[in-house]
Every structure is written in structure tokens, then in C-alpha cells.
Amino acid sequence: MVQAQFSLDESSWAFVQRSEHYGFQNQNELVRIALEKLQRELTQLELSADLYAEDYAVDEDLQALADSAIVGWEE
């Protein structure tokens, strides 16, 4: 396993220090699981954005709706 050093704000550090209170074996496990969860969620968001972009590219009604929604907004 790779070791890394990083900085946290006081609130985040206090959360990590309470890792055993939340049922984690140690601080390493809390951080590892949190990063894995974030990675999964970001991957799902990217896939969702890609699917939406594909639908948008071929749906002229959706494009017209989006265009009408931005009328009057500053660029």
C-alpha cells in the first residue's frame, strides 16, 4: 500500500479522529473507504453526464428547450 501525507482542516481532522466511533478499524480504513466511495460516485456522475450529452446531441426538442431557457441570460 502507498503512504501519503496531506493536510486537513480542523473539522475534517476531528472527523477522522472519530473513525472508531463510526465503526471503522482505524483512521486509514475511514479515509480509504471514503475515497473509494467518492471515486465510485464521481465515475457514476461522469457516466451520467456522458449519457445525457449523447441524448442531448440527438434530441432537437431538448436542445430547443435548453436554448429557450437561457434567453436573456448574460454570457
Protein backbone atom coordinates (compact mmCIF):
# COMPACT_ATOMS: atom_id res chain seq x y z
CA MET A 1 0.00 0.00 0.00
CA VAL A 2 1.18 3.52 -0.79
CA GLN A 3 1.58 6.01 2.02
CA ALA A 4 0.66 9.65 1.53
CA GLN A 5 0.77 12.82 3.55
CA PHE A 6 -1.84 15.57 3.17
CA SER A 7 -3.36 18.49 5.05
CA LEU A 8 -6.87 18.66 6.51
CA ASP A 9 -8.83 21.47 8.05
CA GLU A 10 -9.67 21.14 11.75
CA SER A 11 -13.20 19.86 11.11
CA SER A 12 -12.05 17.10 8.75
CA TRP A 13 -9.28 16.07 11.12
CA ALA A 14 -11.74 15.88 14.03
CA PHE A 15 -13.94 13.62 11.89
CA VAL A 16 -11.03 11.32 11.02
CA GLN A 17 -10.04 11.12 14.68
CA ARG A 18 -13.54 9.80 15.48
CA SER A 19 -13.17 6.95 12.97
CA GLU A 20 -13.51 4.17 15.56
CA HIS A 21 -16.66 5.82 16.92
CA TYR A 22 -18.18 5.33 13.45
CA GLY A 23 -17.21 1.65 13.37
CA PHE A 24 -14.01 1.81 11.34
CA GLN A 25 -11.00 -0.20 12.48
CA ASN A 26 -8.75 2.85 12.25
CA GLN A 27 -8.24 6.19 10.54
CA ASN A 28 -6.69 4.55 7.47
CA GLU A 29 -9.80 2.46 6.86
CA LEU A 30 -12.08 5.52 7.14
CA VAL A 31 -10.04 7.51 4.62
CA ARG A 32 -9.65 4.57 2.24
CA ILE A 33 -13.38 3.79 2.23
CA ALA A 34 -14.32 7.46 1.89
CA LEU A 35 -12.03 7.86 -1.13
CA GLU A 36 -13.34 4.67 -2.73
CA LYS A 37 -16.93 5.89 -2.28
CA LEU A 38 -16.08 9.30 -3.74
CA GLN A 39 -14.36 7.67 -6.70
CA ARG A 40 -17.42 5.46 -7.41
CA GLU A 41 -19.77 8.44 -7.17
CA LEU A 42 -17.63 10.59 -9.48
CA THR A 43 -17.42 7.76 -12.00
CA GLN A 44 -21.21 7.40 -11.94
CA LEU A 45 -21.61 11.16 -12.42
CA GLU A 46 -19.26 11.09 -15.42
CA LEU A 47 -21.21 8.20 -16.97
CA SER A 48 -24.48 10.02 -16.35
CA ALA A 49 -23.12 13.21 -17.93
CA ASP A 50 -21.92 11.24 -20.96
CA LEU A 51 -25.35 9.62 -21.40
CA TYR A 52 -27.07 12.99 -21.07
CA ALA A 53 -24.70 14.52 -23.63
CA GLU A 54 -25.44 11.67 -26.06
CA ASP A 55 -29.21 12.19 -25.65
CA TYR A 56 -28.84 15.96 -25.96
CA ALA A 57 -26.82 15.65 -29.16
CA VAL A 58 -29.65 13.85 -30.98
CA ASP A 59 -32.74 15.37 -29.32
CA GLU A 60 -33.66 18.59 -31.10
CA ASP A 61 -36.59 19.25 -28.75
CA LEU A 62 -34.27 19.08 -25.75
CA GLN A 63 -31.81 21.43 -27.46
CA ALA A 64 -34.62 23.90 -28.19
CA LEU A 65 -35.80 23.70 -24.59
CA ALA A 66 -32.29 24.38 -23.29
CA ASP A 67 -31.84 27.26 -25.74
CA SER A 68 -35.14 28.83 -24.68
CA ALA A 69 -34.19 28.55 -21.00
CA ILE A 70 -31.05 30.66 -21.46
CA VAL A 71 -32.69 33.50 -23.40
CA GLY A 72 -31.92 36.73 -21.57
CA TRP A 73 -29.04 35.38 -19.51
CA GLU A 74 -25.78 37.25 -19.67
CA GLU A 75 -22.90 35.45 -21.33
